Protein backbone atom coordinates (compact mmCIF):
# COMPACT_ATOMS: atom_id res chain seq x y z
CA MET A 1 0.02 0.06 0.07
CA LYS A 2 1.56 3.23 -1.11
CA PRO A 3 0.91 6.42 0.99
CA TYR A 4 -0.30 8.82 -1.68
CA LEU A 5 1.20 12.28 -1.35
CA LEU A 6 0.45 15.22 -3.69
CA PRO A 7 3.45 16.66 -5.54
CA LEU A 8 4.00 20.23 -4.35
CA VAL A 9 6.09 21.73 -7.06
CA PRO A 10 3.99 22.38 -10.19
CA LEU A 11 7.22 22.13 -12.40
CA LEU A 12 7.55 18.40 -11.60
CA ALA A 13 4.06 17.53 -13.11
CA LEU A 14 5.57 18.20 -16.54
CA PHE A 15 8.18 15.40 -16.17
CA PRO A 16 6.65 11.93 -15.70
CA SER A 17 10.02 10.01 -15.27
CA PHE A 18 11.49 9.46 -11.86
CA HIS A 19 14.95 8.29 -12.88
CA ALA A 20 17.28 10.60 -10.99
CA LYS A 21 20.55 9.44 -12.82
CA ALA A 22 19.17 10.26 -16.36
CA ASP A 23 17.05 13.18 -15.22
CA THR A 24 17.63 16.20 -17.47
CA LEU A 25 15.50 18.33 -15.10
CA LEU A 26 18.03 17.63 -12.28
CA ASP A 27 20.84 18.73 -14.59
CA SER A 28 18.89 21.94 -15.48
CA LEU A 29 18.27 22.60 -11.76
CA ARG A 30 21.96 22.11 -10.91
CA ARG A 31 22.92 24.64 -13.60
CA GLU A 32 20.41 27.12 -12.32
CA LEU A 33 21.79 26.53 -8.80
CA ARG A 34 25.24 27.42 -9.90
CA ASN A 35 24.06 30.65 -11.51
CA ALA A 36 21.67 31.71 -8.76
CA HIS A 37 22.47 35.07 -7.36
CA HIS A 38 19.67 35.46 -4.72
CA ASP A 39 19.31 33.38 -1.55
CA THR A 40 15.51 32.92 -2.09
CA SER A 41 16.19 31.61 -5.58
CA ARG A 42 18.66 29.00 -4.15
CA VAL A 43 16.07 27.87 -1.64
CA ARG A 44 13.48 27.32 -4.34
CA LEU A 45 15.96 25.34 -6.36
CA TYR A 46 16.94 23.29 -3.33
CA VAL A 47 13.27 22.53 -2.79
CA SER A 48 12.74 21.56 -6.43
CA MET A 49 15.69 19.20 -6.40
CA ALA A 50 14.50 17.60 -3.15
CA TYR A 51 11.13 16.94 -4.58
CA ARG A 52 12.61 15.59 -7.82
CA TYR A 53 14.79 12.93 -6.03
CA GLY A 54 11.67 12.14 -3.81
CA TRP A 55 11.30 8.59 -2.51
CA ASN A 56 13.57 7.14 -5.25
CA SER A 57 16.47 8.71 -3.59
CA SER A 58 15.44 9.69 -0.11
CA ASP A 59 19.05 10.49 1.06
CA SER A 60 19.42 13.06 -1.69
CA SER A 61 15.95 14.52 -1.02
CA ILE A 62 16.78 14.88 2.72
CA PHE A 63 20.12 16.53 1.79
CA TYR A 64 18.53 19.18 -0.35
CA ALA A 65 15.51 19.63 2.02
CA ASN A 66 18.02 20.44 5.05
CA ARG A 67 19.91 22.90 2.62
CA ALA A 68 16.72 24.71 1.89
CA LEU A 69 15.59 24.62 5.50
CA ASP A 70 18.95 25.85 6.85
CA LEU A 71 18.96 28.90 4.48
CA SER A 72 15.32 29.71 4.93
CA LYS A 73 15.73 29.92 8.76
CA LYS A 74 18.35 32.60 8.28
CA LEU A 75 16.03 34.39 5.77
CA SER A 76 12.76 33.72 7.65
CA TYR A 77 11.48 32.56 4.29
CA SER A 78 8.20 30.79 4.71
CA HIS A 79 8.30 28.97 1.35
CA GLY A 80 11.60 27.19 2.20
CA LEU A 81 10.48 26.67 5.92
CA TYR A 82 7.31 24.89 4.87
CA HIS A 83 8.65 22.77 2.06
CA GLY A 84 11.86 21.95 4.08
CA HIS A 85 9.84 20.46 6.92
CA HIS A 86 7.31 18.84 4.62
CA LEU A 87 10.03 17.12 2.49
CA LEU A 88 11.82 15.73 5.66
CA ALA A 89 8.42 14.37 6.77
CA ASN A 90 7.88 12.75 3.34
CA ALA A 91 11.30 11.09 3.56
CA CYS A 92 10.26 9.44 6.79
CA PHE A 93 7.72 7.27 4.89
CA ILE A 94 10.78 5.46 3.41
CA THR A 95 13.06 5.57 6.43
CA GLY A 96 10.22 4.40 8.61
CA GLU A 97 10.99 7.29 11.24
CA PHE A 98 7.29 8.01 11.80
CA ALA A 99 7.66 10.03 14.99
CA LYS A 100 10.28 12.24 13.36
CA GLY A 101 7.99 12.49 10.30
CA MET A 102 5.15 13.77 12.51
CA THR A 103 7.48 16.23 14.17
CA GLU A 104 8.54 17.66 10.84
CA GLU A 105 5.01 17.76 9.45
CA LYS A 106 3.64 19.50 12.43
CA LYS A 107 6.26 22.24 11.85
CA ALA A 108 5.28 22.46 8.24
CA LEU A 109 1.64 22.73 9.31
CA ALA A 110 2.46 25.57 11.78
CA VAL A 111 3.99 27.50 8.92
CA ALA A 112 1.16 26.87 6.63
CA ARG A 113 -1.33 28.24 9.28
CA LEU A 114 0.82 31.16 10.14
CA VAL A 115 0.87 32.44 6.53
CA LYS A 116 -2.75 31.22 6.06
CA ASN A 117 -1.88 29.09 3.07
CA ASP A 118 -4.80 26.58 2.54
CA GLU A 119 -3.00 24.45 0.03
CA TRP A 120 -0.06 23.86 2.29
CA GLU A 121 -2.33 23.21 5.19
CA TYR A 122 -4.27 20.60 3.11
CA ARG A 123 -1.05 18.83 2.15
CA SER A 124 0.20 18.67 5.72
CA ILE A 125 -3.00 17.25 7.03
CA ASN A 126 -2.85 14.61 4.23
CA SER A 127 0.74 13.79 5.16
CA LEU A 128 -0.12 13.47 8.92
CA GLY A 129 -3.03 11.16 7.97
CA LEU A 130 -0.67 8.94 5.95
CA LEU A 131 1.87 8.90 8.79
CA TYR A 132 -0.90 7.58 11.10
CA LEU A 133 -1.84 5.11 8.44
CA GLN A 134 1.78 3.87 8.11
CA ALA A 135 2.13 3.66 11.85
CA ASP A 136 -1.03 1.46 12.04
CA LYS A 137 -3.00 4.20 13.74
CA PHE A 138 -5.89 3.68 11.15
CA LYS A 139 -8.80 5.06 13.30
CA ASP A 140 -6.74 8.24 13.90
CA ALA A 141 -6.17 8.75 10.16
CA ILE A 142 -9.82 8.34 9.14
CA PRO A 143 -11.25 11.72 10.36
CA LEU A 144 -8.40 13.51 8.76
CA PHE A 145 -9.15 12.02 5.38
CA TYR A 146 -12.80 12.86 5.73
CA GLU A 147 -11.77 16.41 6.38
CA LEU A 148 -9.69 16.35 3.23
CA ILE A 149 -12.54 14.95 1.23
CA GLY A 150 -14.68 17.81 2.31
CA ARG A 151 -12.14 20.48 1.44
CA ALA A 152 -11.44 18.82 -1.92
CA GLU A 153 -15.19 18.49 -2.85
CA LYS A 154 -15.81 22.16 -1.87
CA ASN A 155 -12.83 23.20 -4.17
CA SER A 156 -13.70 20.78 -6.96
CA ASP A 157 -10.22 19.45 -6.79
CA GLY A 158 -10.28 16.19 -8.70
CA ARG A 159 -6.69 15.16 -8.02
CA SER A 160 -6.89 15.80 -4.26
CA LEU A 161 -10.24 14.18 -4.04
CA GLY A 162 -8.90 10.97 -5.68
CA SER A 163 -6.04 10.86 -3.37
CA ALA A 164 -8.29 11.33 -0.26
CA TYR A 165 -10.76 8.69 -1.39
CA ASN A 166 -7.90 6.27 -2.05
CA ASN A 167 -6.25 6.90 1.33
CA LEU A 168 -9.55 6.61 3.23
CA ALA A 169 -10.03 3.28 1.40
CA ASN A 170 -6.67 2.07 2.64
CA CYS A 171 -7.72 2.91 6.21
CA TYR A 172 -10.81 0.78 6.00
CA LEU A 173 -8.83 -1.99 4.23
CA LYS A 174 -6.34 -2.07 7.18
CA LEU A 175 -9.33 -2.15 9.56
CA GLY A 176 -10.81 -5.20 7.67
CA ASN A 177 -13.84 -3.23 6.58
CA TYR A 178 -13.69 -4.42 2.94
CA ASP A 179 -17.21 -3.15 1.88
CA GLU A 180 -16.44 0.38 2.91
CA SER A 181 -12.86 0.09 1.51
CA LEU A 182 -14.16 -0.99 -1.89
CA LYS A 183 -16.78 1.81 -1.84
CA TRP A 184 -14.14 4.50 -1.54
CA ARG A 185 -11.64 2.69 -3.82
CA LYS A 186 -14.30 2.72 -6.61
CA LYS A 187 -14.82 6.43 -6.05
CA ALA A 188 -11.08 6.95 -6.36
CA ILE A 189 -10.70 4.82 -9.59
CA THR A 190 -13.70 6.61 -11.12
CA ILE A 191 -12.09 9.99 -10.68
CA ARG A 192 -8.75 8.82 -11.78
CA LEU A 193 -10.12 7.14 -14.89
CA LYS A 194 -11.91 10.48 -15.77
CA ARG A 195 -8.62 12.43 -15.17
CA ASN A 196 -6.76 9.82 -17.28
CA VAL A 197 -3.49 9.93 -15.28
CA PRO A 198 -1.93 6.49 -15.55
CA ASN A 199 0.40 7.12 -12.55
CA GLU A 200 -2.45 7.77 -10.22
CA LEU A 201 -4.48 4.87 -11.57
CA ALA A 202 -1.60 2.54 -11.02
CA ASP A 203 -1.56 3.45 -7.26
CA SER A 204 -5.27 2.51 -7.12
CA TYR A 205 -4.57 -0.76 -9.01
CA ASN A 206 -2.04 -1.75 -6.46
CA ASP A 207 -4.26 -1.01 -3.55
CA LEU A 208 -7.12 -2.80 -5.26
CA GLY A 209 -4.85 -5.79 -5.58
CA GLU A 210 -4.08 -5.73 -1.80
CA THR A 211 -7.85 -5.73 -1.18
CA TYR A 212 -8.36 -8.80 -3.35
CA LEU A 213 -5.37 -10.50 -1.64
CA GLN A 214 -7.05 -10.00 1.81
CA LEU A 215 -10.28 -11.18 0.28
CA ASP A 216 -8.48 -14.35 -0.63
CA LEU A 217 -8.82 -13.75 -4.35
CA PRO A 218 -5.06 -14.07 -5.33
CA ASP A 219 -5.69 -14.33 -9.11
CA SER A 220 -7.51 -10.93 -9.10
CA ALA A 221 -4.68 -9.60 -6.97
CA VAL A 222 -2.01 -10.78 -9.34
CA PHE A 223 -3.91 -9.09 -12.29
CA TYR A 224 -3.99 -5.71 -10.57
CA PHE A 225 -0.44 -5.91 -9.14
CA LYS A 226 0.93 -6.53 -12.59
CA LYS A 227 -1.07 -3.64 -14.17
CA CYS A 228 0.52 -1.37 -11.51
CA LEU A 229 4.03 -2.82 -12.03
CA GLU A 230 3.74 -2.30 -15.88
CA ILE A 231 2.90 1.42 -15.49
CA LYS A 232 5.33 2.02 -12.82
CA GLU A 233 8.23 0.49 -14.72
CA ASN A 234 7.39 2.51 -17.72
CA ILE A 235 7.59 5.79 -15.79
CA GLY A 236 10.54 4.72 -13.60
CA ASP A 237 8.82 4.89 -10.22
CA GLU A 238 11.33 2.81 -8.25
CA GLU A 239 9.48 3.07 -4.89
CA MET A 240 6.23 1.72 -6.51
CA CYS A 241 8.21 -1.01 -8.42
CA ALA A 242 9.59 -2.14 -4.97
CA LEU A 243 6.06 -2.27 -3.50
CA SER A 244 4.20 -4.03 -6.44
CA THR A 245 6.89 -6.63 -6.81
CA LEU A 246 6.67 -7.15 -2.98
CA ASN A 247 2.94 -7.63 -3.31
CA LEU A 248 3.40 -10.09 -6.14
CA GLY A 249 5.88 -12.05 -4.07
CA ALA A 250 3.40 -12.26 -1.17
CA THR A 251 0.66 -13.24 -3.54
CA TYR A 252 2.66 -16.09 -5.21
CA LEU A 253 3.64 -17.25 -1.68
CA LYS A 254 -0.01 -17.52 -0.93
CA LEU A 255 -0.60 -19.46 -4.14
CA GLY A 256 2.18 -21.87 -3.17
CA ASP A 257 4.41 -20.88 -6.15
CA TYR A 258 7.57 -20.38 -4.16
CA ARG A 259 9.84 -20.03 -7.27
CA LYS A 260 7.82 -17.07 -8.47
CA ALA A 261 7.56 -15.73 -4.90
CA LYS A 262 11.28 -15.80 -4.51
CA ASP A 263 11.81 -14.17 -7.82
CA TYR A 264 9.43 -11.13 -7.26
CA LEU A 265 10.76 -10.73 -3.60
CA ALA A 266 14.31 -10.69 -4.95
CA ARG A 267 13.29 -8.01 -7.57
CA SER A 268 11.56 -6.12 -4.75
CA MET A 269 14.82 -6.20 -2.64
CA HIS A 270 16.73 -4.77 -5.49
CA TRP A 271 14.35 -1.72 -5.78
CA THR A 272 14.18 -1.55 -2.05
CA ASN A 273 17.99 -1.18 -1.72
CA ARG A 274 17.95 1.40 -4.37
CA ILE A 275 15.42 3.58 -2.35
CA ASN A 276 16.79 2.59 1.04
CA SER A 277 13.51 1.61 2.65
CA ASN A 278 13.57 -0.31 5.95
CA LEU A 279 9.90 -0.72 5.87
CA TYR A 280 9.98 -2.74 2.59
CA ARG A 281 13.06 -4.65 3.86
CA ILE A 282 11.01 -5.84 6.85
CA GLU A 283 8.09 -7.10 4.64
CA ILE A 284 10.49 -8.81 2.26
CA LEU A 285 12.49 -10.58 4.91
CA LYS A 286 9.35 -11.63 6.56
CA TYR A 287 8.06 -13.43 3.44
CA GLN A 288 11.57 -14.89 2.61
CA ALA A 289 11.79 -16.34 6.15
CA GLU A 290 8.39 -17.89 5.66
CA ILE A 291 9.37 -19.43 2.28
CA ALA A 292 12.57 -20.87 3.87
CA GLY A 293 10.47 -22.32 6.59
CA LYS A 294 8.03 -24.01 4.22
CA GLU A 295 10.97 -25.42 2.20
CA ASN A 296 12.56 -26.71 5.46
CA ASP A 297 15.67 -24.58 5.06
CA HIS A 298 15.89 -23.69 8.77
CA ALA A 299 19.45 -22.33 8.71
CA GLN A 300 18.38 -19.76 6.09
CA GLU A 301 15.22 -19.16 7.93
CA ALA A 302 17.18 -18.38 11.11
CA GLY A 303 19.48 -15.92 9.38
CA ILE A 304 16.72 -14.10 7.70
CA LEU A 305 14.90 -13.81 10.98
CA LYS A 306 17.91 -12.37 12.69
CA GLN A 307 18.11 -9.63 9.91
CA LEU A 308 14.37 -9.00 10.34
CA LEU A 309 14.71 -8.44 14.09
CA LEU A 310 17.42 -5.82 13.48
CA PHE A 311 15.44 -3.87 10.97
CA LYS A 312 12.20 -4.24 12.94
CA ASP A 313 13.80 -2.94 16.06
CA SER A 314 15.07 0.20 14.34
CA VAL A 315 11.55 0.95 13.02
CA TYR A 316 9.08 -0.17 15.61
CA ASN A 317 11.15 0.19 18.79
CA GLU A 318 9.50 1.33 22.11
CA GLU A 319 11.08 4.79 21.83
CA ASN A 320 9.57 5.43 18.38
CA ARG A 321 6.21 4.18 19.70
CA ARG A 322 6.21 6.51 22.75
CA GLN A 323 7.19 9.41 20.54
CA MET A 324 4.42 8.73 18.14
CA ASN A 325 1.88 8.45 20.91
CA GLN A 326 3.02 11.65 22.41
CA LEU A 327 3.06 13.49 19.10
CA HIS A 328 -0.44 12.14 18.33
CA ALA A 329 -1.74 13.36 21.67
CA GLU A 330 -0.23 16.84 20.97
CA PHE A 331 -1.64 17.04 17.47
CA GLU A 332 -5.14 15.87 18.59
CA SER A 333 -5.01 18.41 21.33
CA GLU A 334 -4.17 21.17 18.85
CA ARG A 335 -6.69 19.95 16.39
CA LYS A 336 -9.47 20.06 19.02
CA GLU A 337 -8.25 23.48 20.12
CA LEU A 338 -8.54 24.76 16.54
CA GLN A 339 -11.98 23.18 16.33
CA ILE A 340 -13.10 24.93 19.52
CA LYS A 341 -11.65 28.26 18.19
CA ALA A 342 -13.50 27.68 14.90
CA LEU A 343 -16.75 27.04 16.77
CA GLU A 344 -16.19 30.10 19.01
CA THR A 345 -15.47 32.24 15.92
CA GLU A 346 -18.54 30.87 14.22
CA LYS A 347 -20.65 31.53 17.27
CA TYR A 348 -19.19 35.02 17.65
CA ALA A 349 -19.97 35.55 13.96
CA GLU A 350 -23.54 34.28 14.52
CA GLU A 351 -24.05 36.51 17.48
CA SER A 352 -22.61 39.49 15.46
CA ARG A 353 -25.01 38.60 12.73
CA GLY A 354 -27.74 38.43 15.29
CA ARG A 355 -26.80 41.82 16.70
CA ILE A 356 -26.64 43.25 13.36
CA ILE A 357 -30.07 41.88 12.47
CA LEU A 358 -31.41 43.20 15.84
CA THR A 359 -29.92 46.62 15.19
CA VAL A 360 -31.28 46.85 11.62
CA SER A 361 -34.65 45.61 12.82
CA VAL A 362 -34.71 48.10 15.57
CA ALA A 363 -33.60 50.95 13.26
CA GLY A 364 -36.17 49.71 10.69
CA LEU A 365 -38.93 49.88 13.38
CA VAL A 366 -37.78 53.31 14.55
CA LEU A 367 -37.73 54.58 10.88
CA LEU A 368 -41.10 53.02 10.28
CA SER A 369 -42.59 54.61 13.42
CA VAL A 370 -41.16 57.91 12.41
CA PHE A 371 -42.61 57.55 8.91
CA LEU A 372 -45.94 56.52 10.35
CA LEU A 373 -45.88 59.43 12.80
CA ILE A 374 -45.20 61.89 9.89
CA VAL A 375 -47.93 60.31 7.84
CA PHE A 376 -50.36 60.49 10.73
CA ASN A 377 -49.42 64.05 11.42
CA ARG A 378 -49.83 64.89 7.73
CA PHE A 379 -53.19 63.20 7.83
CA ARG A 380 -54.26 65.26 10.88
CA VAL A 381 -53.09 68.43 9.25
CA THR A 382 -54.85 67.48 5.99
CA ARG A 383 -58.01 66.56 7.86
CA ARG A 384 -58.02 69.82 9.89
CA GLN A 385 -57.44 71.80 6.64
CA LYS A 386 -60.34 69.97 4.99
CA SER A 387 -62.50 70.64 7.93
CA GLU A 388 -61.54 74.41 7.82
CA ILE A 389 -62.26 74.47 4.07
CA GLU A 390 -65.69 72.83 4.60
CA ASN A 391 -66.40 75.32 7.37
CA GLN A 392 -65.38 78.26 5.22
CA LYS A 393 -67.54 76.75 2.43
CA ILE A 394 -70.48 76.59 4.77
CA LEU A 395 -69.86 80.15 5.79
CA VAL A 396 -69.61 81.37 2.30
CA GLU A 397 -72.77 79.52 1.33
CA GLU A 398 -74.47 81.02 4.30
CA LYS A 399 -73.31 84.52 3.37
CA GLN A 400 -74.35 83.94 -0.22
CA LYS A 401 -77.81 82.87 1.01
CA GLU A 402 -78.14 85.96 3.38
CA ILE A 403 -77.11 88.12 0.36
CA LEU A 404 -79.60 86.44 -1.88
CA ASP A 405 -82.27 86.76 0.71
CA SER A 406 -81.58 90.43 1.18
CA ILE A 407 -81.67 90.98 -2.54
CA HIS A 408 -85.00 89.19 -2.78
CA TYR A 409 -86.33 91.18 0.14
CA ALA A 410 -85.18 94.47 -1.26
CA LYS A 411 -86.74 93.53 -4.64
CA ARG A 412 -90.03 92.75 -2.85
CA ILE A 413 -89.90 96.15 -1.14
CA GLN A 414 -89.05 97.85 -4.33
CA ASN A 415 -91.82 96.07 -6.20
CA SER A 416 -94.27 97.14 -3.40
CA LEU A 417 -93.13 100.80 -3.57
CA MET A 418 -92.98 101.25 -7.31
CA PRO A 419 -96.32 101.87 -9.22
CA THR A 420 -97.27 99.34 -11.71
CA GLU A 421 -96.89 99.98 -15.37
CA LYS A 422 -100.55 100.19 -16.00
CA TYR A 423 -100.88 102.84 -13.35
CA ILE A 424 -98.18 104.93 -14.86
CA HIS A 425 -99.73 104.66 -18.29
CA SER A 426 -103.08 105.67 -16.99
CA LYS A 427 -101.59 108.88 -15.63
CA ILE A 428 -99.77 109.90 -18.74
CA PRO A 429 -102.06 111.46 -21.41
CA SER A 430 -101.98 109.82 -24.67
CA LYS A 431 -100.90 111.76 -27.82
CA LYS A 432 -103.56 112.37 -30.43
């Protein structure tokens, strides 16, 4: 099972081959390093070289990561500080120094949070989850990968989502929950098929083979391990070549084909020595000892077991276990503290929103009241003016009536005083 880490230097995605010896990119980076005039440029080149060596040459990766880290500390340069610590943590997947890996990754995570870089924080949480997974702390890794899935889905990040699905599937596989493991594995493969990136698909094929091996379906396991190996050999991924041949050796051992088992385990040891991985050495020696026992070669079995104990003690000794438990407790404490702070921040924000809503509501009510008061006052004034107009109208009408009555009265008086037309004509003599 390969712990799936996301590459951090965009430039590397342009170069699919991992062979350091024939790597033209490394030659180019070395030339740039010789001509670099600024310290920050040198740090970035150290980081690029460390990532380029990666798991295929962990010693070289560690060397350049330390160079980047030392110079960045003098410069207080966050880019080099983050990547330096993160690279050293990555190397621990090969060396098996999981406690040291957690220490380095926690330092990287602190830098990421200090500069508020979400991408760096995501990668550090992913790395910590994988360290838990490699150290057999599967239950502790699961919530971290669920957190990463939520982040990746929110950002529509297909690459990160495929990685998180695959790593979560590995947790459930180690816990023996095969249904849940296959559910998440299928999600990872679906995304990776859509993205059409053979390297990522090969990782899922290897892990699917491990699932079928545990389900006692060795023929299916062989099919997927070989699919993985073919892709990884073509791109020169030595670390995954070591793992897939190791898995093929274990599968043929289960099938009882000791010749093929020994052949693949020998090939795996070749790749393992190239990448210098104690973890893979332990697994290879374990299977080689089992084969020697089944073939009744007890002298060889005893010699292999002696080597196995030496390597196993270097990786799984009590001090490493104690440090891992301590670092896990510290990380969980920090994580819970951050969750509490996030909840408090959310609560404060909610209360602030509540206060704002209340303030706006009260202000709205006040404004509405003022508006209604103005409208009411205006209504009263209008009604009073209307009443005054009506009163004046009544007064005018009354005055008009009085005037008309007076006129009519005067006319009657006038009519009563004035002689009639007939009377006047009777008094005026007519002309002859």
